Amino acid sequence: MNEELMARDLAHIWHPCTQMKDHEAIPIIPIKRAQGVWLYDFDGNRYIDSISSWWVNLFGHSNPYINEKVHEQLQTLEHVIFAGFTHEQIVRLSERLVALTPEGLERCFYADNGSSAVEVALKMSFHYFKNRGEIRPYFVSLTNSYHGETLGALAVGDVELYKQTYEEILIRTLQTPVPKDRSLEAAMEAAKEFESLLERHAKEVSALIVEPLVQCAGYMHMYHPAFLRELKRICEEHDVHLIADEIAVGFGRTGTLFACEQAGVSPDFMCLSKGLTGGYLPLSVVLTTDEIYGAFYCDYNDFKAFLHSHSYTGNALACAAANATLDIFEQEDIIQKNRIKSQYIAKKLERFKDIDKVSNIRQYGMIAALDIKGYDPKQRIGLRINQECLKREVFIRPLGNVIYFMPPYVISFDEIDMMMDTVYDVLKEL
């Protein structure tokens, strides 16, 4: 069955982040079912999903509680246009998000994926200033950043290949250095660079967008929380918005429910997606302030209303999954449980120091990463490691020469052992 589905897939499907020619030699793996941290194919093989299926799955595949709540919602309302109508799931979800996120974030604008949430925040920031009579065409982002792959999101990222390819059609952006490491000194040094940039360009800049604490697609680069505090202070002094892209790091990944908490920072916009529905359904939200909301509140003919919409905005099934996800956080004290598991992962990471080819071991909460040194990127050592781990029932997806672990929170200690010991053994054999 695996081989038949592989052939049918390759006849018609173009996969994301994939050079399809690779699959002349590397098989696509059809997944029949999934349970907890395990993925099962049609031939009876299984694999630990050590990256939460691109960082979305928080409480395991086929989670009984989320299944139940989505099924209940399916019996009454699957979806309704979100212009002129509302429903109970999204009202409840919005109230809960406002209560959980940093103080001052009072308004929720929904979309259906992370890149779209970034687009919403960028447009909303620019439009806010335009409604005040100012044209600020620039956005600032950090070097090594990634915010998605729609045009606006690509423009504020710093992925060289993407920017070179689409350069002619991207919006105008500026870059400021990310701290070079997790030290306080590096944080303050990078903050000074940003302050210098705004001293020259503040009146042209609508917003700074950052991934708080961890640049996940940026090879899991991590920095000190003090950097966020300084960015917020500088943005306030220069009347520039701060957009926190917590799409990947939100919902407990870094050790707190939201990464901004570790810096005591409340941004002007917070973008959430991925774990928002526990990995079940596409949904994203941008939270912002009453002040920003108020700049668009007007009579219809004043033409100040925000211009953005999605057909599936506020999907009732997705909102039911999101509410079920928040229920689990509340009922099971997940943040505290994660702290115990992250401490265990930290101890397991110590062992990797014995491998000469491993460097820069790092961790924030339930995100752990390490670098493989001594290999040219063209050698695709990450792909080799991926294939060897699959043979031993562990699925990892390296970022170049960076190996990382971002498992579902339901992973057991025995499964952590298997996940990390497998990678250790493969690296020792290189």
Protein backbone atom coordinates (compact mmCIF):
# COMPACT_ATOMS: atom_id res chain seq x y z
CA MET A 1 0.00 0.00 0.00
CA ASN A 2 2.87 2.40 0.78
CA GLU A 3 4.35 2.04 -2.72
CA GLU A 4 0.99 2.45 -4.46
CA LEU A 5 0.21 5.69 -2.60
CA MET A 6 3.73 7.01 -3.22
CA ALA A 7 3.25 6.56 -6.96
CA ARG A 8 -0.19 8.18 -6.96
CA ASP A 9 1.15 11.09 -4.89
CA LEU A 10 4.09 11.76 -7.20
CA ALA A 11 1.82 11.69 -10.24
CA HIS A 12 -0.03 14.84 -9.17
CA ILE A 13 1.22 16.50 -5.97
CA TRP A 14 3.80 19.26 -5.52
CA HIS A 15 4.97 19.24 -1.88
CA PRO A 16 6.13 22.34 0.07
CA CYS A 17 9.76 22.98 1.00
CA THR A 18 10.70 20.09 -1.27
CA GLN A 19 12.82 19.62 -4.35
CA MET A 20 10.55 17.04 -5.94
CA LYS A 21 13.44 15.47 -7.87
CA ASP A 22 14.74 14.19 -4.50
CA HIS A 23 11.84 11.76 -4.44
CA GLU A 24 13.27 9.85 -7.35
CA ALA A 25 15.54 8.33 -4.70
CA ILE A 26 13.91 9.18 -1.36
CA PRO A 27 10.44 7.74 -0.81
CA ILE A 28 7.43 9.80 0.25
CA ILE A 29 6.00 8.12 3.34
CA PRO A 30 2.18 7.78 3.31
CA ILE A 31 0.80 8.05 6.85
CA LYS A 32 -2.25 5.94 7.60
CA ARG A 33 -2.94 7.07 11.15
CA ALA A 34 -1.36 8.78 14.13
CA GLN A 35 -1.71 8.49 17.89
CA GLY A 36 0.09 10.48 20.56
CA VAL A 37 3.65 11.14 19.34
CA TRP A 38 3.53 8.25 16.85
CA LEU A 39 2.96 8.30 13.08
CA TYR A 40 2.05 4.97 11.42
CA ASP A 41 2.43 4.18 7.73
CA PHE A 42 0.49 1.68 5.62
CA ASP A 43 3.14 -1.01 5.99
CA GLY A 44 3.00 -1.03 9.78
CA ASN A 45 6.10 1.09 10.39
CA ARG A 46 5.97 3.81 13.05
CA TYR A 47 7.89 7.01 13.71
CA ILE A 48 8.13 9.40 16.67
CA ASP A 49 6.98 12.83 15.45
CA SER A 50 9.84 14.71 17.12
CA ILE A 51 9.00 18.02 15.41
CA SER A 52 5.25 18.06 16.11
CA SER A 53 4.47 18.01 12.38
CA TRP A 54 6.07 21.40 11.75
CA TRP A 55 5.61 22.59 15.33
CA VAL A 56 1.81 22.55 15.37
CA ASN A 57 0.87 19.46 17.37
CA LEU A 58 0.86 20.16 21.11
CA PHE A 59 -1.11 17.36 22.74
CA GLY A 60 -0.54 14.43 20.48
CA HIS A 61 -2.21 13.16 17.35
CA SER A 62 -5.83 12.00 17.67
CA ASN A 63 -6.11 13.55 21.11
CA PRO A 64 -9.33 12.16 22.61
CA TYR A 65 -10.45 15.41 24.23
CA ILE A 66 -9.85 17.61 21.17
CA ASN A 67 -11.49 14.93 18.98
CA GLU A 68 -14.57 15.01 21.19
CA LYS A 69 -14.88 18.81 21.15
CA VAL A 70 -14.44 19.08 17.37
CA HIS A 71 -17.01 16.31 16.90
CA GLU A 72 -19.48 18.12 19.17
CA GLN A 73 -19.06 21.31 17.14
CA LEU A 74 -19.50 19.40 13.89
CA GLN A 75 -23.02 18.48 14.95
CA THR A 76 -24.19 22.11 15.15
CA LEU A 77 -22.08 24.48 13.01
CA GLU A 78 -19.09 23.77 10.77
CA HIS A 79 -18.60 27.29 9.37
CA VAL A 80 -20.40 30.56 8.77
CA ILE A 81 -19.42 33.78 7.02
CA PHE A 82 -17.69 35.97 9.59
CA ALA A 83 -18.93 39.29 8.22
CA GLY A 84 -22.20 40.23 9.92
CA PHE A 85 -22.32 36.93 11.85
CA THR A 86 -20.51 35.46 14.84
CA HIS A 87 -20.66 32.27 16.90
CA GLU A 88 -20.10 31.12 20.46
CA GLN A 89 -16.79 29.33 19.89
CA ILE A 90 -15.00 32.39 18.54
CA VAL A 91 -16.44 34.73 21.17
CA ARG A 92 -15.24 32.40 23.92
CA LEU A 93 -11.85 31.92 22.26
CA SER A 94 -11.31 35.67 21.91
CA GLU A 95 -12.18 36.32 25.55
CA ARG A 96 -9.72 33.65 26.63
CA LEU A 97 -6.89 34.86 24.39
CA VAL A 98 -7.27 38.42 25.66
CA ALA A 99 -7.11 37.13 29.24
CA LEU A 100 -4.03 34.97 28.57
CA THR A 101 -1.86 37.24 26.41
CA PRO A 102 0.14 40.23 27.72
CA GLU A 103 -1.78 43.16 29.14
CA GLY A 104 -3.13 45.67 26.63
CA LEU A 105 -3.92 43.23 23.83
CA GLU A 106 -7.70 43.60 23.68
CA ARG A 107 -8.76 42.98 20.07
CA CYS A 108 -8.59 39.81 17.95
CA PHE A 109 -8.46 39.70 14.15
CA TYR A 110 -8.59 36.20 12.69
CA ALA A 111 -7.04 34.62 9.60
CA ASP A 112 -6.25 31.03 8.67
CA ASN A 113 -2.45 30.59 8.74
CA GLY A 114 0.68 32.13 10.19
CA SER A 115 1.85 33.96 7.08
CA SER A 116 -1.56 35.56 6.75
CA ALA A 117 -1.40 36.70 10.37
CA VAL A 118 1.90 38.43 9.61
CA GLU A 119 0.33 40.09 6.56
CA VAL A 120 -2.54 41.32 8.74
CA ALA A 121 -0.19 42.83 11.32
CA LEU A 122 1.95 44.56 8.69
CA LYS A 123 -1.02 46.03 6.86
CA MET A 124 -2.74 47.05 10.08
CA SER A 125 0.36 48.84 11.34
CA PHE A 126 0.90 50.71 8.07
CA HIS A 127 -2.81 51.56 7.80
CA TYR A 128 -2.90 52.82 11.39
CA PHE A 129 -0.30 55.47 10.59
CA LYS A 130 -1.99 56.30 7.29
CA ASN A 131 -5.21 56.94 9.18
CA ARG A 132 -3.19 59.40 11.29
CA GLY A 133 -2.02 61.17 8.14
CA GLU A 134 1.46 59.60 8.01
CA ILE A 135 2.96 57.42 5.28
CA ARG A 136 5.52 55.01 6.75
CA PRO A 137 6.46 52.53 4.02
CA TYR A 138 9.21 50.62 5.84
CA PHE A 139 9.21 47.70 8.25
CA VAL A 140 12.21 46.56 10.27
CA SER A 141 13.04 42.93 10.96
CA LEU A 142 15.98 41.04 12.42
CA THR A 143 18.77 39.46 10.45
CA ASN A 144 18.34 35.69 10.15
CA SER A 145 14.56 36.07 10.57
CA TYR A 146 11.69 34.13 9.02
CA HIS A 147 8.02 35.17 9.13
CA GLY A 148 6.36 33.11 6.42
CA GLU A 149 6.23 32.85 2.67
CA THR A 150 3.51 35.17 1.39
CA LEU A 151 5.00 38.28 -0.20
CA GLY A 152 4.76 40.58 2.81
CA ALA A 153 5.97 37.90 5.18
CA LEU A 154 8.87 37.06 2.85
CA ALA A 155 9.82 40.72 2.62
CA VAL A 156 10.24 41.10 6.38
CA GLY A 157 12.17 37.86 6.64
CA ASP A 158 15.87 37.50 6.00
CA VAL A 159 16.11 34.27 4.02
CA GLU A 160 18.62 35.12 1.29
CA LEU A 161 17.39 32.59 -1.26
CA TYR A 162 13.80 33.77 -1.00
CA LYS A 163 14.66 37.45 -1.11
CA GLN A 164 16.91 37.04 -4.13
CA THR A 165 14.28 35.07 -6.00
CA TYR A 166 11.39 37.47 -5.37
CA GLU A 167 13.33 40.69 -4.84
CA GLU A 168 11.58 42.68 -7.56
CA ILE A 169 8.11 42.24 -6.05
CA LEU A 170 8.79 42.59 -2.31
CA ILE A 171 7.79 45.52 -0.09
CA ARG A 172 10.47 47.78 1.37
CA THR A 173 12.18 46.62 4.54
CA LEU A 174 15.18 47.30 6.73
CA GLN A 175 17.19 44.81 8.77
CA THR A 176 18.72 45.21 12.20
CA PRO A 177 21.13 42.66 13.72
CA VAL A 178 19.85 39.84 15.90
CA PRO A 179 22.00 39.24 19.01
CA LYS A 180 24.87 36.97 18.05
CA ASP A 181 24.29 34.67 21.05
CA ARG A 182 22.26 34.35 24.25
CA SER A 183 24.44 36.64 26.36
CA LEU A 184 23.18 39.87 27.90
CA GLU A 185 26.11 41.69 26.28
CA ALA A 186 25.06 40.55 22.82
CA ALA A 187 21.46 41.61 23.52
CA MET A 188 22.48 45.13 24.52
CA GLU A 189 24.88 45.47 21.59
CA ALA A 190 22.15 44.52 19.08
CA ALA A 191 19.65 46.83 20.77
CA LYS A 192 22.01 49.76 20.28
CA GLU A 193 22.17 48.96 16.56
CA PHE A 194 18.38 49.07 16.36
CA GLU A 195 18.24 52.33 18.28
CA SER A 196 20.72 53.85 15.86
CA LEU A 197 18.62 52.69 12.91
CA LEU A 198 15.46 54.30 14.31
CA GLU A 199 17.28 57.53 15.04
CA ARG A 200 17.77 57.77 11.27
CA HIS A 201 14.53 56.26 9.98
CA ALA A 202 11.80 56.31 12.66
CA LYS A 203 9.41 58.55 10.73
CA GLU A 204 9.56 56.14 7.77
CA VAL A 205 9.04 52.97 9.81
CA SER A 206 5.66 51.52 10.75
CA ALA A 207 6.80 48.56 12.81
CA LEU A 208 9.55 46.24 13.95
CA ILE A 209 8.67 42.54 13.69
CA VAL A 210 10.51 39.93 15.76
CA GLU A 211 10.33 36.25 16.69
CA PRO A 212 10.62 36.40 20.48
CA LEU A 213 13.57 34.46 21.97
CA VAL A 214 13.92 31.82 19.22
CA GLN A 215 14.27 32.26 15.46
CA CYS A 216 12.92 28.81 14.73
CA ALA A 217 13.31 28.58 10.95
CA GLY A 218 16.50 30.63 11.38
CA TYR A 219 18.36 27.50 12.49
CA MET A 220 16.91 27.71 16.01
CA HIS A 221 18.97 30.78 16.87
CA MET A 222 18.25 31.95 20.43
CA TYR A 223 18.81 35.22 22.29
CA HIS A 224 18.42 36.83 25.73
CA PRO A 225 14.99 38.18 26.87
CA ALA A 226 16.61 41.55 27.66
CA PHE A 227 16.79 42.18 23.92
CA LEU A 228 12.98 42.19 23.74
CA ARG A 229 12.75 44.64 26.65
CA GLU A 230 15.13 47.02 24.96
CA LEU A 231 13.32 46.74 21.62
CA LYS A 232 10.03 47.61 23.28
CA ARG A 233 11.55 50.62 25.04
CA ILE A 234 13.13 51.91 21.83
CA CYS A 235 9.95 51.38 19.80
CA GLU A 236 7.92 53.34 22.35
CA GLU A 237 10.42 56.20 22.38
CA HIS A 238 10.24 56.50 18.58
CA ASP A 239 6.49 55.81 18.14
CA VAL A 240 7.08 52.61 16.16
CA HIS A 241 4.97 49.48 16.59
CA LEU A 242 6.38 46.21 17.90
CA ILE A 243 4.99 43.07 16.26
CA ALA A 244 5.66 39.83 18.17
CA ASP A 245 5.53 36.85 15.82
CA GLU A 246 4.78 34.09 18.33
CA ILE A 247 3.46 31.75 15.65
CA ALA A 248 6.13 29.13 16.35
CA VAL A 249 7.10 29.96 19.95
CA GLY A 250 3.67 30.61 21.46
CA PHE A 251 1.61 28.23 23.57
CA GLY A 252 4.32 26.99 25.88
CA ARG A 253 7.19 26.17 23.52
CA THR A 254 9.78 28.36 25.29
CA GLY A 255 8.78 27.50 28.86
CA THR A 256 6.08 30.11 29.37
CA LEU A 257 2.71 30.32 27.64
CA PHE A 258 4.05 33.13 25.46
CA ALA A 259 7.71 34.00 24.95
CA CYS A 260 7.10 37.71 25.55
CA GLU A 261 6.27 36.89 29.18
CA GLN A 262 9.94 36.12 29.85
CA ALA A 263 10.80 39.72 28.98
CA GLY A 264 7.77 41.31 30.63
CA VAL A 265 6.88 42.85 27.27
CA SER A 266 3.48 43.64 25.80
CA PRO A 267 3.75 44.18 22.02
CA ASP A 268 1.43 46.28 19.89
CA PHE A 269 0.58 43.20 17.82
CA MET A 270 0.91 39.51 18.64
CA CYS A 271 0.61 36.92 15.85
CA LEU A 272 -0.47 33.41 16.85
CA SER A 273 -1.09 30.24 14.85
CA LYS A 274 0.44 26.70 14.73
CA GLY A 275 -0.28 25.42 18.26
CA LEU A 276 -3.41 27.57 18.54
CA THR A 277 -5.62 24.62 17.52
CA GLY A 278 -3.33 21.93 18.91
CA GLY A 279 -2.31 21.07 15.36
CA TYR A 280 -5.82 20.15 14.25
CA LEU A 281 -7.03 22.85 11.86
CA PRO A 282 -5.73 26.02 10.19
CA LEU A 283 -6.35 29.14 12.27
CA SER A 284 -4.42 32.27 13.15
CA VAL A 285 -5.10 35.43 15.08
CA VAL A 286 -3.54 38.87 15.45
CA LEU A 287 -4.13 40.48 18.83
CA THR A 288 -3.75 44.23 19.11
CA THR A 289 -4.63 47.20 21.30
CA ASP A 290 -7.75 49.28 21.68
CA GLU A 291 -5.74 52.30 20.54
CA ILE A 292 -4.93 50.68 17.19
CA TYR A 293 -8.50 49.35 16.85
CA GLY A 294 -9.82 52.85 17.52
CA ALA A 295 -7.87 54.34 14.60
CA PHE A 296 -10.09 52.33 12.21
CA TYR A 297 -13.40 52.91 14.00
CA CYS A 298 -15.39 55.41 11.95
CA ASP A 299 -18.46 56.06 9.83
CA TYR A 300 -18.52 53.92 6.68
CA ASN A 301 -17.89 56.81 4.29
CA ASP A 302 -14.71 57.90 6.07
CA PHE A 303 -12.86 54.99 4.38
CA LYS A 304 -10.67 54.21 7.39
CA ALA A 305 -11.85 50.63 7.86
CA PHE A 306 -9.24 47.87 7.75
CA LEU A 307 -9.13 46.05 4.41
CA HIS A 308 -8.43 42.36 4.88
CA SER A 309 -10.55 39.20 4.79
CA HIS A 310 -10.46 35.42 4.39
CA SER A 311 -13.31 33.14 3.35
CA TYR A 312 -12.62 30.82 6.28
CA THR A 313 -12.05 33.52 8.90
CA GLY A 314 -13.20 32.36 12.31
CA ASN A 315 -14.01 28.81 11.22
CA ALA A 316 -16.15 27.24 13.95
CA LEU A 317 -14.45 23.84 13.87
CA ALA A 318 -11.00 25.42 14.16
CA CYS A 319 -12.18 27.60 17.04
CA ALA A 320 -13.60 24.52 18.80
CA ALA A 321 -10.18 22.86 18.49
CA ALA A 322 -8.52 26.01 19.84
CA ASN A 323 -10.86 26.17 22.83
CA ALA A 324 -10.23 22.49 23.53
CA THR A 325 -6.48 23.17 23.38
CA LEU A 326 -6.80 25.98 25.92
CA ASP A 327 -8.95 23.70 28.11
CA ILE A 328 -6.07 21.22 28.28
CA PHE A 329 -3.62 23.96 29.28
CA GLU A 330 -5.97 24.99 32.09
CA GLN A 331 -7.00 21.55 33.31
CA GLU A 332 -3.62 19.79 33.28
CA ASP A 333 -1.11 22.49 34.34
CA ILE A 334 0.82 21.91 31.12
CA ILE A 335 3.41 24.66 31.66
CA GLN A 336 4.59 23.05 34.91
CA LYS A 337 4.60 19.57 33.37
CA ASN A 338 6.63 20.93 30.45
CA ARG A 339 9.19 22.38 32.85
CA ILE A 340 9.84 18.92 34.24
CA LYS A 341 10.15 17.44 30.75
CA SER A 342 12.37 20.27 29.52
CA GLN A 343 14.70 19.69 32.49
CA TYR A 344 14.88 16.03 31.51
CA ILE A 345 15.63 16.99 27.89
CA ALA A 346 18.37 19.31 29.17
CA LYS A 347 20.02 16.39 30.97
CA LYS A 348 19.80 14.27 27.82
CA LEU A 349 21.44 17.08 25.84
CA GLU A 350 24.52 16.92 28.07
CA ARG A 351 25.46 13.62 26.51
CA PHE A 352 25.83 15.21 23.07
CA LYS A 353 28.84 17.20 24.31
CA ASP A 354 30.84 13.97 23.96
CA ILE A 355 30.47 14.05 20.16
CA ASP A 356 33.24 16.02 18.44
CA LYS A 357 31.03 16.98 15.50
CA VAL A 358 28.41 18.61 17.77
CA SER A 359 28.52 22.26 18.84
CA ASN A 360 26.29 25.07 20.10
CA ILE A 361 23.92 22.94 22.16
CA ARG A 362 20.99 25.12 23.22
CA GLN A 363 17.48 25.03 24.65
CA TYR A 364 14.48 27.17 25.54
CA GLY A 365 11.77 25.11 27.22
CA MET A 366 10.49 22.42 24.86
CA ILE A 367 12.79 23.54 22.02
CA ALA A 368 16.26 22.00 21.95
CA ALA A 369 18.85 22.23 19.19
CA LEU A 370 22.47 21.51 18.29
CA ASP A 371 24.76 22.13 15.33
CA ILE A 372 26.65 19.56 13.29
CA LYS A 373 30.05 20.99 12.34
CA GLY A 374 32.55 19.99 9.70
CA TYR A 375 30.13 19.49 6.82
CA ASP A 376 29.52 21.70 3.81
CA PRO A 377 25.78 22.45 3.37
CA LYS A 378 25.98 20.88 -0.10
CA GLN A 379 26.75 17.55 1.55
CA ARG A 380 23.21 17.60 3.02
CA ILE A 381 24.26 15.92 6.22
CA GLY A 382 20.86 16.71 7.72
CA LEU A 383 19.15 14.59 5.07
CA ARG A 384 21.48 11.68 5.82
CA ILE A 385 20.66 11.95 9.52
CA ASN A 386 16.94 12.16 8.75
CA GLN A 387 17.06 8.94 6.73
CA GLU A 388 19.06 7.04 9.32
CA CYS A 389 16.70 8.11 12.11
CA LEU A 390 13.64 7.06 10.11
CA LYS A 391 15.08 3.54 9.90
CA ARG A 392 15.10 3.57 13.72
CA GLU A 393 11.52 4.86 14.14
CA VAL A 394 12.32 8.53 14.79
CA PHE A 395 11.29 11.35 12.45
CA ILE A 396 13.42 14.50 12.58
CA ARG A 397 13.66 17.23 9.94
CA PRO A 398 17.00 19.07 10.30
CA LEU A 399 17.44 22.70 9.30
CA GLY A 400 20.59 22.41 7.23
CA ASN A 401 23.27 21.31 9.70
CA VAL A 402 21.03 22.00 12.71
CA ILE A 403 19.31 19.13 14.51
CA TYR A 404 16.42 20.13 16.75
CA PHE A 405 13.78 18.57 18.95
CA MET A 406 10.30 20.08 19.31
CA PRO A 407 8.06 17.15 20.28
CA PRO A 408 4.39 17.15 21.30
CA TYR A 409 3.96 17.90 24.99
CA VAL A 410 2.42 14.45 25.61
CA ILE A 411 5.73 12.74 24.90
CA SER A 412 6.68 10.34 27.69
CA PHE A 413 10.08 10.13 29.33
CA ASP A 414 10.67 6.77 27.64
CA GLU A 415 9.81 8.34 24.28
CA ILE A 416 12.18 11.24 25.00
CA ASP A 417 14.87 8.64 25.65
CA MET A 418 14.17 6.89 22.37
CA MET A 419 14.02 10.14 20.40
CA MET A 420 17.25 11.60 21.74
CA ASP A 421 19.20 8.36 22.10
CA THR A 422 18.45 7.50 18.48
CA VAL A 423 19.79 10.83 17.26
CA TYR A 424 22.81 10.46 19.54
CA ASP A 425 23.60 7.01 18.14
CA VAL A 426 23.24 8.22 14.54
CA LEU A 427 25.53 11.18 15.17
CA LYS A 428 28.13 8.96 16.84
CA GLU A 429 28.17 6.78 13.71
CA LEU A 430 28.78 9.65 11.27
